[in-house]
Each structure stands twice: as structure tokens, then as C-alpha cells.
Amino acid sequence: MVSYLSKYSVFALNALKQKYAYRFKALMWSFSTLFNMLVQYYLWKSVYLELNGNFMGVAQNNYLTYISFGVVFYNITSCMENMNIAEDIKTGSISMNLSKPLNYKMMVFFRHIGSKMGEAIGLVPLMVVAFVLTGCKSMSLLGVLFFGVSTVLAIILFFLFSYLMGILTFWTTNYWGLQFFANSIMGLFSGQLVAISFYIELGKGTEFVTSSLSFLHHPGFMMCFNILGKIAYCLPFQSMYYTPMSILSGIIDKPSDILLHIFLQFFWIICLNALIHILWNKAQKKITIYGG
């Protein structure tokens, strides 16, 4: 087992070194991420001040924690290995990787882990800023413990989905359109734009809106948000972002609800693994390499 892991740890180490090969680039990435966090934090803080500290049944402290730590969380858990896989296919280097006595999926996974370790180092100052901004008033010990479990599952889910998108490149001539579509769907249904609970509350016609937002009570809007909320729970994206961040921020605080959402994460891990297994077996028989 140790020799097996050490064989793949080389890929993680190389990815970590590549992350800081250009230190100025890494520094600018940290600043841009910090700027994104501050913009979202103060935008939603102004929204909550306008709404007297409560919106869609979610208190200000809970949602500001959700937003602030969410920026850090996404950068730690997100995976872009599908782009690397697509590039391997396009350049033809995947044929060389498949001929090696290595598990390609494990190689890509450890490469991803190394890259995320590099990003995590640069995100430490942002984590401190998030603690200072929110004061962690909405967090509980139980929530933090469940958040740790949920985060590990979210990392696996992000990787599996990214790997799946990479495999689909076998059937496309260019991967940019597929990547754009995946990012759009993920942004809408993962809870990155707004918490999924907002869709559900708006779909119910909740009264937690001011007169300036009364148009949201229109039956057309209510039906649209109701559909969005249901679709979100029929897709794996909410398990990648909304579930862990809602547990940490206290938006989901009942033990039964937390366990249900963690169960959904396990369910989607099994489903994505099964789908990857099926598509990978078919993809190896359909290798069209550009430039190979």
C-alpha cells in the first residue's frame, strides 16, 4: 500500500511545484480571490442591511459565513483536471500515459491533489480574513465536524465530475463548449450564485421580501424557482458546494438534515463512479487523437 501511494505521490509533488513555479502569478491569484471574497461579502451585507438582517429565512451571520468561506472552499475543492485530460487527448499524450503501468485515474487524482495543496497554501491568508469578517458566530462544533466529512466527499465529487467531463472529450472535437456548459450549469445548481434554499423559499412564495421585491411573488417567478430548487436536488452539484457550506454556516443545522445531505453525497459518488466506469470502457475503444 505504501509503495503504491509513493508511486503516485510523485505526480502530486510535481503539481505542487508547478503551482509555485511562477510566484508572482500565484500572488496575483491570491489577491484576485481575496477581492472576489470582499466584493461578495460587502454586497450581501448591504442586501441584508436593506432587509433588516433576514432574507428567505436565512440570518445575516449565516449567509455571510456561507459567502466568505465559500470563496475559500470552492478554490480548495474545485477541479479542472478535465481540461488537462482533454489536452492529453488532443495532443495524443494520453496514448503514452495509458501504455504505462499506471492507473490513469489515480495519476490524474494525485496530480489534482498536488495542485490543490499548492492552492491551499495561498488561501491561508484568505481564511484568516474570512474569520475576521464573520467572527464565525454561526458555526458550531457539530457543524464543523460534519463539515469536515462533507468537504472530503465534496472534493471527491468535484474530481469525479471533472474526470467525467474529461472522458466526454473522447466524443467531441473541442472541449471549450463542454467546459462552458458545465460551468454554467454548476454555477446555477451548486449554490455558488445563491444558496439553493433561496430557490426553495422563493418557490413557496415566502414573505421574507420587501415591497421592492414583491414581484418575486408573481406565480411565474414562483414556479420557476420551485422548478430550480427541485432540479438542484436531482443533480450532484448541490452536494459539491451547497451541502458542505450550508453545514458550516448553520443554514442546515438539524442532525437529520445534515445526515440526509451527506447521504446524498455518498449516493452521487457511487453514481458518478459507475458512470465513469461505463464511459471509460467505451472511450478506450474510441480514441481519436489530434496530433498523435
C-alpha atoms as a PDB file:
ATOM      1  CA  MET A   1       0.000   0.000   0.000  1.00  0.00           C
ATOM      2  CA  VAL A   2       2.811   2.395   0.921  1.00  0.00           C
ATOM      3  CA  SER A   3       4.728   1.632  -2.276  1.00  0.00           C
ATOM      4  CA  TYR A   4       1.506   2.062  -4.266  1.00  0.00           C
ATOM      5  CA  LEU A   5       0.894   5.523  -2.830  1.00  0.00           C
ATOM      6  CA  SER A   6       4.532   6.582  -3.149  1.00  0.00           C
ATOM      7  CA  LYS A   7       4.395   5.716  -6.856  1.00  0.00           C
ATOM      8  CA  TYR A   8       1.593   8.229  -7.410  1.00  0.00           C
ATOM      9  CA  SER A   9       2.771  10.818  -4.880  1.00  0.00           C
ATOM     10  CA  VAL A  10       5.374  11.919  -7.449  1.00  0.00           C
ATOM     11  CA  PHE A  11       2.564  13.367  -9.564  1.00  0.00           C
ATOM     12  CA  ALA A  12       1.239  15.295  -6.565  1.00  0.00           C
ATOM     13  CA  LEU A  13       4.694  16.680  -5.794  1.00  0.00           C
ATOM     14  CA  ASN A  14       5.241  17.780  -9.399  1.00  0.00           C
ATOM     15  CA  ALA A  15       1.846  19.515  -9.495  1.00  0.00           C
ATOM     16  CA  LEU A  16       2.670  21.296  -6.214  1.00  0.00           C
ATOM     17  CA  LYS A  17       5.975  22.547  -7.624  1.00  0.00           C
ATOM     18  CA  GLN A  18       4.313  23.744 -10.833  1.00  0.00           C
ATOM     19  CA  LYS A  19       1.826  25.753  -8.812  1.00  0.00           C
ATOM     20  CA  TYR A  20       4.608  27.935  -7.419  1.00  0.00           C
ATOM     21  CA  ALA A  21       6.904  27.925 -10.441  1.00  0.00           C
ATOM     22  CA  TYR A  22       5.658  31.453 -11.140  1.00  0.00           C
ATOM     23  CA  ARG A  23       5.396  33.099  -7.727  1.00  0.00           C
ATOM     24  CA  PHE A  24       4.085  36.441  -8.991  1.00  0.00           C
ATOM     25  CA  LYS A  25       1.237  34.642 -10.780  1.00  0.00           C
ATOM     26  CA  ALA A  26       0.397  32.761  -7.565  1.00  0.00           C
ATOM     27  CA  LEU A  27       0.434  36.033  -5.614  1.00  0.00           C
ATOM     28  CA  MET A  28      -1.882  37.757  -8.107  1.00  0.00           C
ATOM     29  CA  TRP A  29      -4.242  34.773  -7.947  1.00  0.00           C
ATOM     30  CA  SER A  30      -4.442  35.146  -4.153  1.00  0.00           C
ATOM     31  CA  PHE A  31      -5.184  38.874  -4.441  1.00  0.00           C
ATOM     32  CA  SER A  32      -7.883  38.333  -7.078  1.00  0.00           C
ATOM     33  CA  THR A  33      -9.533  35.660  -4.908  1.00  0.00           C
ATOM     34  CA  LEU A  34      -9.429  37.998  -1.903  1.00  0.00           C
ATOM     35  CA  PHE A  35     -11.014  40.764  -3.994  1.00  0.00           C
ATOM     36  CA  ASN A  36     -13.778  38.372  -5.052  1.00  0.00           C
ATOM     37  CA  MET A  37     -14.444  37.479  -1.418  1.00  0.00           C
ATOM     38  CA  LEU A  38     -14.631  41.103  -0.281  1.00  0.00           C
ATOM     39  CA  VAL A  39     -16.955  42.086  -3.129  1.00  0.00           C
ATOM     40  CA  GLN A  40     -19.393  39.280  -2.338  1.00  0.00           C
ATOM     41  CA  TYR A  41     -19.191  39.871   1.416  1.00  0.00           C
ATOM     42  CA  TYR A  42     -19.987  43.586   1.283  1.00  0.00           C
ATOM     43  CA  LEU A  43     -22.571  43.158  -1.470  1.00  0.00           C
ATOM     44  CA  TRP A  44     -24.585  40.691   0.583  1.00  0.00           C
ATOM     45  CA  LYS A  45     -24.013  42.658   3.774  1.00  0.00           C
ATOM     46  CA  SER A  46     -25.630  45.691   2.140  1.00  0.00           C
ATOM     47  CA  VAL A  47     -28.512  43.480   0.942  1.00  0.00           C
ATOM     48  CA  TYR A  48     -29.106  42.205   4.470  1.00  0.00           C
ATOM     49  CA  LEU A  49     -28.928  45.707   5.934  1.00  0.00           C
ATOM     50  CA  GLU A  50     -31.661  46.720   3.492  1.00  0.00           C
ATOM     51  CA  LEU A  51     -33.723  43.697   4.552  1.00  0.00           C
ATOM     52  CA  ASN A  52     -33.210  44.182   8.304  1.00  0.00           C
ATOM     53  CA  GLY A  53     -30.869  41.226   8.742  1.00  0.00           C
ATOM     54  CA  ASN A  54     -33.046  38.396   7.407  1.00  0.00           C
ATOM     55  CA  PHE A  55     -33.658  37.115   3.892  1.00  0.00           C
ATOM     56  CA  MET A  56     -35.505  33.972   2.824  1.00  0.00           C
ATOM     57  CA  GLY A  57     -35.367  32.673   6.384  1.00  0.00           C
ATOM     58  CA  VAL A  58     -31.548  32.840   6.491  1.00  0.00           C
ATOM     59  CA  ALA A  59     -29.968  35.167   9.060  1.00  0.00           C
ATOM     60  CA  GLN A  60     -27.238  37.631   8.082  1.00  0.00           C
ATOM     61  CA  ASN A  61     -24.431  35.921  10.016  1.00  0.00           C
ATOM     62  CA  ASN A  62     -25.245  32.551   8.461  1.00  0.00           C
ATOM     63  CA  TYR A  63     -25.213  33.804   4.901  1.00  0.00           C
ATOM     64  CA  LEU A  64     -22.140  35.993   5.265  1.00  0.00           C
ATOM     65  CA  THR A  65     -20.309  32.929   6.589  1.00  0.00           C
ATOM     66  CA  TYR A  66     -21.663  30.937   3.649  1.00  0.00           C
ATOM     67  CA  ILE A  67     -20.365  33.552   1.180  1.00  0.00           C
ATOM     68  CA  SER A  68     -16.983  34.331   2.776  1.00  0.00           C
ATOM     69  CA  PHE A  69     -15.806  30.800   3.479  1.00  0.00           C
ATOM     70  CA  GLY A  70     -17.453  29.646   0.257  1.00  0.00           C
ATOM     71  CA  VAL A  71     -14.868  31.511  -1.829  1.00  0.00           C
ATOM     72  CA  VAL A  72     -12.045  29.722   0.008  1.00  0.00           C
ATOM     73  CA  PHE A  73     -13.890  26.397  -0.063  1.00  0.00           C
ATOM     74  CA  TYR A  74     -14.514  26.497  -3.814  1.00  0.00           C
ATOM     75  CA  ASN A  75     -10.877  27.192  -4.613  1.00  0.00           C
ATOM     76  CA  ILE A  76      -9.762  24.274  -2.427  1.00  0.00           C
ATOM     77  CA  THR A  77     -12.304  21.735  -3.712  1.00  0.00           C
ATOM     78  CA  SER A  78     -12.844  22.702  -7.363  1.00  0.00           C
ATOM     79  CA  CYS A  79     -11.199  20.577 -10.027  1.00  0.00           C
ATOM     80  CA  MET A  80     -10.111  21.486 -13.553  1.00  0.00           C
ATOM     81  CA  GLU A  81      -8.440  18.213 -14.441  1.00  0.00           C
ATOM     82  CA  ASN A  82     -10.961  17.771 -17.250  1.00  0.00           C
ATOM     83  CA  MET A  83      -9.030  20.452 -19.141  1.00  0.00           C
ATOM     84  CA  ASN A  84      -5.776  18.536 -18.646  1.00  0.00           C
ATOM     85  CA  ILE A  85      -7.416  15.280 -19.728  1.00  0.00           C
ATOM     86  CA  ALA A  86      -8.848  16.983 -22.805  1.00  0.00           C
ATOM     87  CA  GLU A  87      -5.419  18.365 -23.634  1.00  0.00           C
ATOM     88  CA  ASP A  88      -3.904  14.882 -23.216  1.00  0.00           C
ATOM     89  CA  ILE A  89      -6.439  13.551 -25.703  1.00  0.00           C
ATOM     90  CA  LYS A  90      -5.980  16.403 -28.165  1.00  0.00           C
ATOM     91  CA  THR A  91      -2.170  16.225 -28.175  1.00  0.00           C
ATOM     92  CA  GLY A  92      -2.047  12.436 -28.162  1.00  0.00           C
ATOM     93  CA  SER A  93      -0.075  12.141 -24.915  1.00  0.00           C
ATOM     94  CA  ILE A  94      -2.890  10.068 -23.398  1.00  0.00           C
ATOM     95  CA  SER A  95      -1.797   7.078 -25.500  1.00  0.00           C
ATOM     96  CA  MET A  96       1.616   7.227 -23.829  1.00  0.00           C
ATOM     97  CA  ASN A  97       0.026   7.539 -20.367  1.00  0.00           C
ATOM     98  CA  LEU A  98      -2.248   4.558 -21.000  1.00  0.00           C
ATOM     99  CA  SER A  99       0.717   2.428 -22.076  1.00  0.00           C
ATOM    100  CA  LYS A 100       2.454   2.981 -18.725  1.00  0.00           C
ATOM    101  CA  PRO A 101       1.960   0.523 -15.810  1.00  0.00           C
ATOM    102  CA  LEU A 102      -0.125   3.145 -14.031  1.00  0.00           C
ATOM    103  CA  ASN A 103      -3.790   3.682 -13.280  1.00  0.00           C
ATOM    104  CA  TYR A 104      -4.618   6.787 -15.314  1.00  0.00           C
ATOM    105  CA  LYS A 105      -7.442   7.824 -12.981  1.00  0.00           C
ATOM    106  CA  MET A 106      -5.189   7.596  -9.915  1.00  0.00           C
ATOM    107  CA  MET A 107      -2.456   9.528 -11.717  1.00  0.00           C
ATOM    108  CA  VAL A 108      -4.874  12.349 -12.522  1.00  0.00           C
ATOM    109  CA  PHE A 109      -6.274  12.300  -8.965  1.00  0.00           C
ATOM    110  CA  PHE A 110      -2.858  12.684  -7.326  1.00  0.00           C
ATOM    111  CA  ARG A 111      -1.951  15.402  -9.822  1.00  0.00           C
ATOM    112  CA  HIS A 112      -5.130  17.191  -8.749  1.00  0.00           C
ATOM    113  CA  ILE A 113      -4.346  16.756  -5.029  1.00  0.00           C
ATOM    114  CA  GLY A 114      -0.883  18.254  -5.516  1.00  0.00           C
ATOM    115  CA  SER A 115      -2.346  21.254  -7.316  1.00  0.00           C
ATOM    116  CA  LYS A 116      -4.925  21.793  -4.554  1.00  0.00           C
ATOM    117  CA  MET A 117      -2.238  21.556  -1.865  1.00  0.00           C
ATOM    118  CA  GLY A 118      -0.441  24.390  -3.617  1.00  0.00           C
ATOM    119  CA  GLU A 119      -3.604  26.484  -3.749  1.00  0.00           C
ATOM    120  CA  ALA A 120      -4.423  25.749  -0.098  1.00  0.00           C
ATOM    121  CA  ILE A 121      -1.132  27.332   0.972  1.00  0.00           C
ATOM    122  CA  GLY A 122      -2.013  30.545  -0.852  1.00  0.00           C
ATOM    123  CA  LEU A 123      -5.519  30.536   0.653  1.00  0.00           C
ATOM    124  CA  VAL A 124      -4.384  30.594   4.299  1.00  0.00           C
ATOM    125  CA  PRO A 125      -4.407  34.446   4.466  1.00  0.00           C
ATOM    126  CA  LEU A 126      -7.902  34.448   2.922  1.00  0.00           C
ATOM    127  CA  MET A 127      -9.082  32.015   5.573  1.00  0.00           C
ATOM    128  CA  VAL A 128      -7.848  34.439   8.237  1.00  0.00           C
ATOM    129  CA  VAL A 129      -9.713  37.305   6.531  1.00  0.00           C
ATOM    130  CA  ALA A 130     -12.903  35.214   6.440  1.00  0.00           C
ATOM    131  CA  PHE A 131     -12.568  34.503  10.177  1.00  0.00           C
ATOM    132  CA  VAL A 132     -12.101  38.219  10.906  1.00  0.00           C
ATOM    133  CA  LEU A 133     -15.043  39.293   8.715  1.00  0.00           C
ATOM    134  CA  THR A 134     -17.575  36.801  10.054  1.00  0.00           C
ATOM    135  CA  GLY A 135     -16.339  36.116  13.575  1.00  0.00           C
ATOM    136  CA  CYS A 136     -17.599  32.543  13.000  1.00  0.00           C
ATOM    137  CA  LYS A 137     -20.685  33.380  15.075  1.00  0.00           C
ATOM    138  CA  SER A 138     -22.924  30.972  13.166  1.00  0.00           C
ATOM    139  CA  MET A 139     -20.593  27.957  13.469  1.00  0.00           C
ATOM    140  CA  SER A 140     -20.997  25.112  15.936  1.00  0.00           C
ATOM    141  CA  LEU A 141     -18.636  22.285  16.907  1.00  0.00           C
ATOM    142  CA  LEU A 142     -21.019  19.674  15.499  1.00  0.00           C
ATOM    143  CA  GLY A 143     -21.341  21.662  12.273  1.00  0.00           C
ATOM    144  CA  VAL A 144     -17.561  21.948  11.872  1.00  0.00           C
ATOM    145  CA  LEU A 145     -17.128  18.185  12.391  1.00  0.00           C
ATOM    146  CA  PHE A 146     -19.790  17.321   9.820  1.00  0.00           C
ATOM    147  CA  PHE A 147     -18.352  19.988   7.519  1.00  0.00           C
ATOM    148  CA  GLY A 148     -15.010  18.161   7.575  1.00  0.00           C
ATOM    149  CA  VAL A 149     -16.661  14.926   6.457  1.00  0.00           C
ATOM    150  CA  SER A 150     -18.753  16.718   3.847  1.00  0.00           C
ATOM    151  CA  THR A 151     -15.701  18.558   2.485  1.00  0.00           C
ATOM    152  CA  VAL A 152     -13.817  15.308   1.848  1.00  0.00           C
ATOM    153  CA  LEU A 153     -16.848  13.971  -0.027  1.00  0.00           C
ATOM    154  CA  ALA A 154     -17.166  17.240  -1.972  1.00  0.00           C
ATOM    155  CA  ILE A 155     -13.512  17.028  -3.065  1.00  0.00           C
ATOM    156  CA  ILE A 156     -14.134  13.504  -4.366  1.00  0.00           C
ATOM    157  CA  LEU A 157     -17.327  14.614  -6.117  1.00  0.00           C
ATOM    158  CA  PHE A 158     -15.642  17.589  -7.793  1.00  0.00           C
ATOM    159  CA  PHE A 159     -12.864  15.324  -9.041  1.00  0.00           C
ATOM    160  CA  LEU A 160     -15.229  12.628 -10.318  1.00  0.00           C
ATOM    161  CA  PHE A 161     -17.354  15.142 -12.187  1.00  0.00           C
ATOM    162  CA  SER A 162     -14.285  16.790 -13.698  1.00  0.00           C
ATOM    163  CA  TYR A 163     -12.892  13.385 -14.688  1.00  0.00           C
ATOM    164  CA  LEU A 164     -16.243  12.515 -16.265  1.00  0.00           C
ATOM    165  CA  MET A 165     -16.182  15.751 -18.292  1.00  0.00           C
ATOM    166  CA  GLY A 166     -12.669  14.898 -19.399  1.00  0.00           C
ATOM    167  CA  ILE A 167     -13.759  11.467 -20.626  1.00  0.00           C
ATOM    168  CA  LEU A 168     -16.577  13.040 -22.656  1.00  0.00           C
ATOM    169  CA  THR A 169     -13.886  14.811 -24.678  1.00  0.00           C
ATOM    170  CA  PHE A 170     -13.334  11.497 -26.460  1.00  0.00           C
ATOM    171  CA  TRP A 171     -16.613  12.194 -28.293  1.00  0.00           C
ATOM    172  CA  THR A 172     -16.029  15.889 -29.053  1.00  0.00           C
ATOM    173  CA  THR A 173     -13.629  17.724 -31.348  1.00  0.00           C
ATOM    174  CA  ASN A 174     -13.214  20.622 -28.921  1.00  0.00           C
ATOM    175  CA  TYR A 175     -13.746  20.795 -25.176  1.00  0.00           C
ATOM    176  CA  TRP A 176     -14.299  24.533 -24.631  1.00  0.00           C
ATOM    177  CA  GLY A 177     -18.027  24.386 -25.344  1.00  0.00           C
ATOM    178  CA  LEU A 178     -18.459  21.452 -22.991  1.00  0.00           C
ATOM    179  CA  GLN A 179     -16.475  23.261 -20.290  1.00  0.00           C
ATOM    180  CA  PHE A 180     -18.546  26.445 -20.672  1.00  0.00           C
ATOM    181  CA  PHE A 181     -21.799  24.462 -20.449  1.00  0.00           C
ATOM    182  CA  ALA A 182     -20.603  22.547 -17.353  1.00  0.00           C
ATOM    183  CA  ASN A 183     -19.522  25.768 -15.595  1.00  0.00           C
ATOM    184  CA  SER A 184     -22.866  27.441 -16.326  1.00  0.00           C
ATOM    185  CA  ILE A 185     -24.925  24.524 -15.027  1.00  0.00           C
ATOM    186  CA  MET A 186     -22.705  24.116 -11.973  1.00  0.00           C
ATOM    187  CA  GLY A 187     -22.911  27.807 -11.105  1.00  0.00           C
ATOM    188  CA  LEU A 188     -26.713  27.728 -11.245  1.00  0.00           C
ATOM    189  CA  PHE A 189     -27.340  24.485  -9.362  1.00  0.00           C
ATOM    190  CA  SER A 190     -24.381  24.189  -6.961  1.00  0.00           C
ATOM    191  CA  GLY A 191     -25.312  27.100  -4.712  1.00  0.00           C
ATOM    192  CA  GLN A 192     -22.375  29.298  -5.768  1.00  0.00           C
ATOM    193  CA  LEU A 193     -24.558  32.103  -7.130  1.00  0.00           C
ATOM    194  CA  VAL A 194     -27.167  31.918  -4.372  1.00  0.00           C
ATOM    195  CA  ALA A 195     -27.967  29.281  -1.761  1.00  0.00           C
ATOM    196  CA  ILE A 196     -30.285  26.520  -3.001  1.00  0.00           C
ATOM    197  CA  SER A 197     -32.543  27.203  -0.009  1.00  0.00           C
ATOM    198  CA  PHE A 198     -33.381  30.583  -1.608  1.00  0.00           C
ATOM    199  CA  TYR A 199     -34.830  28.782  -4.647  1.00  0.00           C
ATOM    200  CA  ILE A 200     -36.956  26.619  -2.363  1.00  0.00           C
ATOM    201  CA  GLU A 201     -38.217  29.544  -0.263  1.00  0.00           C
ATOM    202  CA  LEU A 202     -38.976  31.679  -3.308  1.00  0.00           C
ATOM    203  CA  GLY A 203     -40.806  28.740  -4.851  1.00  0.00           C
ATOM    204  CA  LYS A 204     -43.040  28.607  -1.777  1.00  0.00           C
ATOM    205  CA  GLY A 205     -43.867  32.306  -2.118  1.00  0.00           C
ATOM    206  CA  THR A 206     -42.157  33.225   1.137  1.00  0.00           C
ATOM    207  CA  GLU A 207     -42.970  36.566   2.708  1.00  0.00           C
ATOM    208  CA  PHE A 208     -39.355  37.371   3.599  1.00  0.00           C
ATOM    209  CA  VAL A 209     -39.130  40.044   0.923  1.00  0.00           C
ATOM    210  CA  THR A 210     -39.550  43.813   0.965  1.00  0.00           C
ATOM    211  CA  SER A 211     -42.042  45.724  -1.139  1.00  0.00           C
ATOM    212  CA  SER A 212     -39.317  46.386  -3.717  1.00  0.00           C
ATOM    213  CA  LEU A 213     -39.032  42.615  -4.215  1.00  0.00           C
ATOM    214  CA  SER A 214     -42.756  41.913  -4.248  1.00  0.00           C
ATOM    215  CA  PHE A 215     -42.570  40.998  -7.941  1.00  0.00           C
ATOM    216  CA  LEU A 216     -40.982  37.717  -6.803  1.00  0.00           C
ATOM    217  CA  HIS A 217     -44.435  36.652  -5.579  1.00  0.00           C
ATOM    218  CA  HIS A 218     -45.663  36.514  -9.172  1.00  0.00           C
ATOM    219  CA  PRO A 219     -46.835  32.929  -9.943  1.00  0.00           C
ATOM    220  CA  GLY A 220     -44.446  32.745 -12.906  1.00  0.00           C
ATOM    221  CA  PHE A 221     -41.403  33.541 -10.772  1.00  0.00           C
ATOM    222  CA  MET A 222     -42.569  31.207  -8.004  1.00  0.00           C
ATOM    223  CA  MET A 223     -42.992  28.312 -10.437  1.00  0.00           C
ATOM    224  CA  CYS A 224     -39.567  28.993 -11.972  1.00  0.00           C
ATOM    225  CA  PHE A 225     -37.789  28.990  -8.599  1.00  0.00           C
ATOM    226  CA  ASN A 226     -39.739  25.933  -7.477  1.00  0.00           C
ATOM    227  CA  ILE A 227     -38.504  24.062 -10.553  1.00  0.00           C
ATOM    228  CA  LEU A 228     -34.917  25.257  -9.999  1.00  0.00           C
ATOM    229  CA  GLY A 229     -34.992  24.023  -6.402  1.00  0.00           C
ATOM    230  CA  LYS A 230     -36.240  20.585  -7.447  1.00  0.00           C
ATOM    231  CA  ILE A 231     -33.743  20.269 -10.302  1.00  0.00           C
ATOM    232  CA  ALA A 232     -30.901  21.222  -7.941  1.00  0.00           C
ATOM    233  CA  TYR A 233     -31.642  18.180  -5.783  1.00  0.00           C
ATOM    234  CA  CYS A 234     -31.825  15.935  -8.845  1.00  0.00           C
ATOM    235  CA  LEU A 235     -28.259  16.859  -9.829  1.00  0.00           C
ATOM    236  CA  PRO A 236     -24.943  16.275  -7.996  1.00  0.00           C
ATOM    237  CA  PHE A 237     -23.841  19.928  -7.955  1.00  0.00           C
ATOM    238  CA  GLN A 238     -25.536  20.937  -4.700  1.00  0.00           C
ATOM    239  CA  SER A 239     -23.607  18.113  -2.997  1.00  0.00           C
ATOM    240  CA  MET A 240     -20.342  19.675  -4.183  1.00  0.00           C
ATOM    241  CA  TYR A 241     -20.836  23.154  -2.748  1.00  0.00           C
ATOM    242  CA  TYR A 242     -24.178  23.905  -1.088  1.00  0.00           C
ATOM    243  CA  THR A 243     -24.169  20.932   1.289  1.00  0.00           C
ATOM    244  CA  PRO A 244     -20.774  21.493   2.982  1.00  0.00           C
ATOM    245  CA  MET A 245     -21.097  25.287   3.077  1.00  0.00           C
ATOM    246  CA  SER A 246     -24.630  25.158   4.474  1.00  0.00           C
ATOM    247  CA  ILE A 247     -23.490  22.758   7.191  1.00  0.00           C
ATOM    248  CA  LEU A 248     -20.584  25.029   8.131  1.00  0.00           C
ATOM    249  CA  SER A 249     -22.647  28.227   8.118  1.00  0.00           C
ATOM    250  CA  GLY A 250     -25.584  26.740  10.021  1.00  0.00           C
ATOM    251  CA  ILE A 251     -28.120  27.083   7.196  1.00  0.00           C
ATOM    252  CA  ILE A 252     -28.539  23.324   7.560  1.00  0.00           C
ATOM    253  CA  ASP A 253     -28.304  22.674  11.302  1.00  0.00           C
ATOM    254  CA  LYS A 254     -30.625  19.776  12.169  1.00  0.00           C
ATOM    255  CA  PRO A 255     -28.663  16.495  12.547  1.00  0.00           C
ATOM    256  CA  SER A 256     -31.268  14.612  10.488  1.00  0.00           C
ATOM    257  CA  ASP A 257     -30.992  17.126   7.629  1.00  0.00           C
ATOM    258  CA  ILE A 258     -27.193  17.054   7.784  1.00  0.00           C
ATOM    259  CA  LEU A 259     -27.102  13.257   7.596  1.00  0.00           C
ATOM    260  CA  LEU A 260     -29.565  13.274   4.695  1.00  0.00           C
ATOM    261  CA  HIS A 261     -27.376  15.668   2.705  1.00  0.00           C
ATOM    262  CA  ILE A 262     -24.233  13.646   3.470  1.00  0.00           C
ATOM    263  CA  PHE A 263     -26.068  10.516   2.344  1.00  0.00           C
ATOM    264  CA  LEU A 264     -26.814  12.297  -0.953  1.00  0.00           C
ATOM    265  CA  GLN A 265     -23.095  12.981  -1.353  1.00  0.00           C
ATOM    266  CA  PHE A 266     -22.317   9.262  -0.966  1.00  0.00           C
ATOM    267  CA  PHE A 267     -25.106   8.466  -3.422  1.00  0.00           C
ATOM    268  CA  TRP A 268     -23.678  10.777  -6.091  1.00  0.00           C
ATOM    269  CA  ILE A 269     -20.150   9.436  -5.574  1.00  0.00           C
ATOM    270  CA  ILE A 270     -21.437   5.924  -6.323  1.00  0.00           C
ATOM    271  CA  CYS A 271     -23.413   7.129  -9.364  1.00  0.00           C
ATOM    272  CA  LEU A 272     -20.541   9.124 -10.876  1.00  0.00           C
ATOM    273  CA  ASN A 273     -18.075   6.278 -10.307  1.00  0.00           C
ATOM    274  CA  ALA A 274     -20.404   3.859 -12.077  1.00  0.00           C
ATOM    275  CA  LEU A 275     -20.905   6.260 -14.988  1.00  0.00           C
ATOM    276  CA  ILE A 276     -17.151   6.854 -15.292  1.00  0.00           C
ATOM    277  CA  HIS A 277     -16.515   3.102 -15.364  1.00  0.00           C
ATOM    278  CA  ILE A 278     -19.004   2.613 -18.212  1.00  0.00           C
ATOM    279  CA  LEU A 279     -17.798   5.564 -20.283  1.00  0.00           C
ATOM    280  CA  TRP A 280     -14.103   4.816 -19.731  1.00  0.00           C
ATOM    281  CA  ASN A 281     -14.523   1.286 -21.094  1.00  0.00           C
ATOM    282  CA  LYS A 282     -16.221   2.695 -24.182  1.00  0.00           C
ATOM    283  CA  ALA A 283     -13.784   5.604 -24.559  1.00  0.00           C
ATOM    284  CA  GLN A 284     -10.732   3.362 -24.790  1.00  0.00           C
ATOM    285  CA  LYS A 285     -12.254   1.797 -27.902  1.00  0.00           C
ATOM    286  CA  LYS A 286     -12.890   5.207 -29.447  1.00  0.00           C
ATOM    287  CA  ILE A 287      -9.620   7.103 -29.296  1.00  0.00           C
ATOM    288  CA  THR A 288      -9.327   9.803 -31.961  1.00  0.00           C
ATOM    289  CA  ILE A 289      -6.084  11.660 -31.268  1.00  0.00           C
ATOM    290  CA  TYR A 290      -5.318  15.033 -32.844  1.00  0.00           C
ATOM    291  CA  GLY A 291      -1.627  15.489 -33.483  1.00  0.00           C
ATOM    292  CA  GLY A 292      -0.831  11.993 -32.147  1.00  0.00           C
END
